[in-house]
Amino acid sequence: MKIIAIIPAHLRSIRFPKKIIFPILGLPMIEHVRRRVLISNVFSEVYVATCDKEISKLVKNNNGKVIFTSKKHKNGTSRVAEAIKKIKCTHVVLIQGDEPLILPQHLRLIYNKIKSNPKNLSWNAVGSIEKKEDLNKHSFVKCIVKNQKITKCFRFFNNLSAEDKKEKNIKKILGLIAFKKNFLLKISKKSASKNEKSELIEQMRIIDNNYKISPVLIKPTLPSVNEPNEVKIIKNYIKKYNNQKILLNKILNWKI
């Protein structure tokens, strides 16, 4: 078994252009993520998959590994599927580049989930939803968890059916997704499903094709960066929590 990690990245974020390289407390956002993945010390290889020379140069200048991909990709899953075609591995963990608070222990958790059930096809980290108003916040994805699998992903609670609204186990989808390599290559070749297109949620292709996504509960739920105003939230979070301050110090002093 060989489990690798890939961070898909591009500059054309709709809500926050060039957010992936936005500076946060001394480092571009993608370096916060990449170095945290390295600190977890569980993956055989850690790559950044990108179509942008600016990102590639930044990562390489920090002694990181880059896989250059096509510009046609509409989501991170598709980009990672291209990136792993020529890499020898059994599983891949996709870490979104806008998760600068991700903890090494969370990465180890999903790694161990793969090790314990390697025949599973896909996994997705999920977390609790802390504010009721977040159920209708478009910028992050929610899901329904039922019988140890993610059965539906959505953006607006109000758009759910009356039956789905009764479900109590609703979680936030986090930017930490894992796949069996062969399954990712297979699912990426299928056409985008109707729900994937309407909701702009890549996980719905898996669900709509009747495959299982296993939820991995992460505690605590950490904020990510979807919009410019959320950078301040990230900075305040790091300053508030001692474990984040210690980790920031490690990252800033990481020997590249």
Protein backbone atom coordinates (compact mmCIF):
# COMPACT_ATOMS: atom_id res chain seq x y z
CA MET A 1 0.00 0.00 0.00
CA LYS A 2 1.27 3.44 -0.92
CA ILE A 3 -0.69 6.53 0.11
CA ILE A 4 0.29 9.89 -1.33
CA ALA A 5 -1.03 13.41 -0.76
CA ILE A 6 -1.86 15.96 -3.45
CA ILE A 7 -2.91 19.58 -3.00
CA PRO A 8 -4.78 20.83 -6.09
CA ALA A 9 -4.30 24.55 -6.66
CA HIS A 10 -5.15 27.27 -9.17
CA LEU A 11 -5.39 31.07 -9.19
CA ARG A 12 -8.87 31.51 -10.63
CA SER A 13 -11.03 31.17 -7.53
CA ILE A 14 -14.40 32.81 -8.26
CA ARG A 15 -15.06 34.28 -4.81
CA PHE A 16 -11.41 35.06 -3.98
CA PRO A 17 -9.00 35.24 -6.96
CA LYS A 18 -5.42 34.20 -6.16
CA LYS A 19 -6.43 33.20 -2.63
CA ILE A 20 -4.15 30.16 -2.77
CA ILE A 21 -1.06 32.40 -2.66
CA PHE A 22 -2.52 35.06 -0.35
CA PRO A 23 -0.08 35.81 2.52
CA ILE A 24 -1.18 34.74 5.99
CA LEU A 25 1.11 35.48 8.95
CA GLY A 26 4.31 35.25 6.96
CA LEU A 27 3.52 32.53 4.41
CA PRO A 28 1.35 32.07 1.31
CA MET A 29 -1.75 30.04 2.11
CA ILE A 30 -0.66 27.02 0.09
CA GLU A 31 2.59 26.79 2.07
CA HIS A 32 0.62 26.68 5.32
CA VAL A 33 -1.25 23.69 3.94
CA ARG A 34 1.70 21.92 2.29
CA ARG A 35 3.95 22.19 5.34
CA ARG A 36 1.21 20.91 7.65
CA VAL A 37 0.82 17.90 5.38
CA LEU A 38 4.58 17.30 5.54
CA ILE A 39 4.59 17.63 9.34
CA SER A 40 1.97 14.87 9.58
CA ASN A 41 4.79 12.56 8.37
CA VAL A 42 2.52 9.79 7.05
CA PHE A 43 2.47 10.20 3.28
CA SER A 44 4.94 8.60 0.89
CA GLU A 45 4.96 11.75 -1.27
CA VAL A 46 3.40 15.22 -1.10
CA TYR A 47 2.69 17.11 -4.32
CA VAL A 48 0.99 20.30 -5.44
CA ALA A 49 -1.00 19.86 -8.67
CA THR A 50 -1.45 23.11 -10.57
CA CYS A 51 -1.84 24.68 -14.01
CA ASP A 52 -0.37 28.03 -12.94
CA LYS A 53 3.32 28.88 -13.30
CA GLU A 54 3.12 31.36 -10.41
CA ILE A 55 2.04 28.63 -8.00
CA SER A 56 4.56 26.18 -9.43
CA LYS A 57 7.43 28.63 -8.97
CA LEU A 58 6.38 29.47 -5.41
CA VAL A 59 6.20 25.81 -4.36
CA LYS A 60 9.46 24.85 -6.07
CA ASN A 61 11.22 27.83 -4.44
CA ASN A 62 10.18 26.27 -1.14
CA ASN A 63 11.61 22.91 -2.23
CA GLY A 64 8.17 21.42 -2.86
CA LYS A 65 7.14 18.91 -5.53
CA VAL A 66 4.85 20.04 -8.33
CA ILE A 67 2.82 18.21 -10.97
CA PHE A 68 1.76 20.48 -13.80
CA THR A 69 -1.79 19.85 -15.04
CA SER A 70 -4.22 21.05 -17.68
CA LYS A 71 -6.13 24.32 -17.27
CA LYS A 72 -9.44 22.66 -18.17
CA HIS A 73 -10.26 21.29 -14.72
CA LYS A 74 -13.39 22.55 -12.96
CA ASN A 75 -12.60 21.06 -9.55
CA GLY A 76 -9.81 19.62 -7.44
CA THR A 77 -10.91 16.01 -7.89
CA SER A 78 -10.51 16.21 -11.66
CA ARG A 79 -7.11 17.89 -11.32
CA VAL A 80 -5.84 15.24 -8.90
CA ALA A 81 -7.13 12.47 -11.18
CA GLU A 82 -4.90 13.80 -13.96
CA ALA A 83 -1.96 14.24 -11.59
CA ILE A 84 -1.91 10.64 -10.31
CA LYS A 85 -2.07 8.89 -13.70
CA LYS A 86 1.68 8.39 -13.85
CA ILE A 87 2.32 8.09 -10.11
CA LYS A 88 2.69 4.68 -8.53
CA CYS A 89 0.34 4.59 -5.54
CA THR A 90 -2.68 2.70 -4.24
CA HIS A 91 -4.49 5.64 -2.62
CA VAL A 92 -4.42 9.41 -2.78
CA VAL A 93 -5.47 12.00 -0.22
CA LEU A 94 -6.65 15.29 -1.69
CA ILE A 95 -6.12 18.30 0.59
CA GLN A 96 -7.74 21.53 -0.54
CA GLY A 97 -5.32 24.43 -0.55
CA ASP A 98 -7.76 26.70 1.31
CA GLU A 99 -7.53 24.71 4.57
CA PRO A 100 -4.62 26.58 6.25
CA LEU A 101 -5.66 25.45 9.76
CA ILE A 102 -5.66 21.74 9.05
CA LEU A 103 -3.97 19.77 11.81
CA PRO A 104 -1.44 16.97 11.26
CA GLN A 105 -3.55 14.76 13.55
CA HIS A 106 -6.47 15.10 11.12
CA LEU A 107 -4.27 13.95 8.26
CA ARG A 108 -3.05 11.01 10.32
CA LEU A 109 -6.67 10.12 11.12
CA ILE A 110 -7.72 9.86 7.48
CA TYR A 111 -4.49 8.01 6.69
CA ASN A 112 -5.30 5.45 9.38
CA LYS A 113 -8.87 5.10 8.08
CA ILE A 114 -7.45 4.13 4.71
CA LYS A 115 -4.98 1.70 6.28
CA SER A 116 -7.72 -0.02 8.26
CA ASN A 117 -10.18 -0.30 5.34
CA PRO A 118 -8.11 -0.15 2.13
CA LYS A 119 -10.89 -1.68 0.00
CA ASN A 120 -13.17 1.32 0.57
CA LEU A 121 -13.43 3.53 -2.50
CA SER A 122 -13.53 7.03 -1.03
CA TRP A 123 -13.50 8.96 2.23
CA ASN A 124 -14.36 12.58 3.12
CA ALA A 125 -13.60 14.45 6.33
CA VAL A 126 -16.68 16.01 7.92
CA GLY A 127 -17.20 18.28 10.90
CA SER A 128 -19.96 19.71 13.04
CA ILE A 129 -21.89 22.82 12.01
CA GLU A 130 -21.59 25.37 14.77
CA LYS A 131 -24.05 28.04 13.62
CA LYS A 132 -27.59 27.46 12.40
CA GLU A 133 -27.23 30.20 9.78
CA ASP A 134 -24.35 28.27 8.21
CA LEU A 135 -26.85 25.72 6.91
CA ASN A 136 -27.72 28.19 4.17
CA LYS A 137 -24.24 29.59 3.58
CA HIS A 138 -23.37 28.94 -0.05
CA SER A 139 -19.60 29.09 0.32
CA PHE A 140 -19.22 25.76 2.08
CA VAL A 141 -20.78 22.38 1.45
CA LYS A 142 -22.94 20.44 3.87
CA CYS A 143 -23.86 16.75 3.80
CA ILE A 144 -26.27 14.21 5.25
CA VAL A 145 -24.60 11.23 6.94
CA LYS A 146 -26.66 8.07 7.22
CA ASN A 147 -25.66 4.46 7.95
CA GLN A 148 -21.95 5.31 7.94
CA LYS A 149 -22.00 6.93 4.52
CA ILE A 150 -22.55 10.36 3.01
CA THR A 151 -25.89 10.17 1.22
CA LYS A 152 -26.27 13.73 -0.08
CA CYS A 153 -24.30 16.96 -0.35
CA PHE A 154 -25.89 20.39 -0.59
CA ARG A 155 -25.31 24.12 -0.23
CA PHE A 156 -28.73 25.44 0.85
CA PHE A 157 -30.71 23.68 3.57
CA ASN A 158 -33.86 25.47 2.39
CA ASN A 159 -33.63 23.69 -0.97
CA LEU A 160 -33.76 20.23 0.57
CA SER A 161 -36.85 18.06 0.37
CA ALA A 162 -39.13 17.94 3.40
CA GLU A 163 -37.86 14.43 4.14
CA ASP A 164 -34.18 15.45 3.99
CA LYS A 165 -34.81 18.41 6.28
CA LYS A 166 -35.83 15.94 8.99
CA GLU A 167 -32.37 14.37 8.99
CA LYS A 168 -30.49 15.25 12.18
CA ASN A 169 -27.01 14.08 11.20
CA ILE A 170 -25.97 16.99 8.98
CA LYS A 171 -22.27 17.83 8.81
CA LYS A 172 -19.94 20.25 7.10
CA ILE A 173 -17.91 18.79 4.23
CA LEU A 174 -14.22 19.53 4.75
CA GLY A 175 -11.50 19.85 2.13
CA LEU A 176 -9.87 16.53 2.98
CA ILE A 177 -10.89 13.74 0.61
CA ALA A 178 -9.32 10.35 -0.06
CA PHE A 179 -9.67 7.88 -2.90
CA LYS A 180 -8.54 4.48 -3.95
CA LYS A 181 -6.44 5.39 -7.00
CA ASN A 182 -8.21 3.12 -9.49
CA PHE A 183 -11.59 4.35 -8.33
CA LEU A 184 -10.63 8.01 -8.75
CA LEU A 185 -9.45 7.34 -12.29
CA LYS A 186 -12.71 5.51 -13.00
CA ILE A 187 -15.09 8.09 -11.53
CA SER A 188 -13.26 11.01 -13.14
CA LYS A 189 -14.06 9.57 -16.59
CA LYS A 190 -17.80 9.62 -15.94
CA SER A 191 -19.87 12.60 -16.99
CA ALA A 192 -20.76 15.16 -14.35
CA SER A 193 -24.10 14.24 -12.79
CA LYS A 194 -27.10 16.56 -12.74
CA ASN A 195 -26.68 17.25 -9.02
CA GLU A 196 -22.96 17.88 -9.43
CA LYS A 197 -23.69 20.52 -12.06
CA SER A 198 -26.54 22.22 -10.22
CA GLU A 199 -24.85 22.31 -6.81
CA LEU A 200 -21.22 22.61 -8.02
CA ILE A 201 -20.28 19.81 -5.63
CA GLU A 202 -17.85 17.24 -7.04
CA GLN A 203 -18.74 14.58 -4.45
CA MET A 204 -22.22 14.26 -5.96
CA ARG A 205 -20.80 12.40 -8.97
CA ILE A 206 -19.77 9.61 -6.61
CA ILE A 207 -23.11 9.53 -4.82
CA ASP A 208 -25.20 9.79 -7.99
CA ASN A 209 -23.34 6.82 -9.46
CA ASN A 210 -24.24 4.78 -6.36
CA TYR A 211 -20.76 4.58 -4.86
CA LYS A 212 -20.01 5.05 -1.17
CA ILE A 213 -18.22 7.98 0.46
CA SER A 214 -17.19 7.05 3.98
CA PRO A 215 -17.36 9.99 6.43
CA VAL A 216 -14.38 10.68 8.69
CA LEU A 217 -15.40 12.86 11.64
CA ILE A 218 -12.88 15.59 12.41
CA LYS A 219 -12.75 17.47 15.71
CA PRO A 220 -12.67 20.38 16.04
CA THR A 221 -14.26 21.75 12.88
CA LEU A 222 -11.85 24.34 11.56
CA PRO A 223 -12.65 27.35 9.37
CA SER A 224 -11.36 27.40 5.80
CA VAL A 225 -10.97 30.30 3.38
CA ASN A 226 -13.69 30.73 0.77
CA GLU A 227 -14.00 34.52 0.75
CA PRO A 228 -11.57 37.42 1.47
CA ASN A 229 -13.20 38.31 4.80
CA GLU A 230 -12.39 34.84 6.15
CA VAL A 231 -8.63 35.50 6.17
CA LYS A 232 -9.12 37.58 9.32
CA ILE A 233 -10.98 34.67 10.92
CA ILE A 234 -8.01 32.39 10.17
CA LYS A 235 -5.49 34.85 11.65
CA ASN A 236 -7.56 35.32 14.81
CA TYR A 237 -7.97 31.56 15.18
CA ILE A 238 -4.21 31.00 15.05
CA LYS A 239 -3.62 33.76 17.60
CA LYS A 240 -6.32 32.40 19.92
CA TYR A 241 -5.40 28.72 20.08
CA ASN A 242 -2.07 27.60 21.50
CA ASN A 243 -1.80 24.44 19.37
CA GLN A 244 -2.18 26.57 16.23
CA LYS A 245 0.46 29.04 17.45
CA ILE A 246 2.91 26.20 18.13
CA LEU A 247 2.22 24.70 14.71
CA LEU A 248 2.65 28.09 13.01
CA ASN A 249 6.07 28.43 14.61
CA LYS A 250 7.07 24.98 13.29
CA ILE A 251 5.85 25.87 9.82
CA LEU A 252 7.63 29.22 9.71
CA ASN A 253 10.87 27.55 10.79
CA TRP A 254 10.48 24.52 8.55
CA LYS A 255 13.80 23.63 6.95
CA ILE A 256 13.25 23.54 3.21
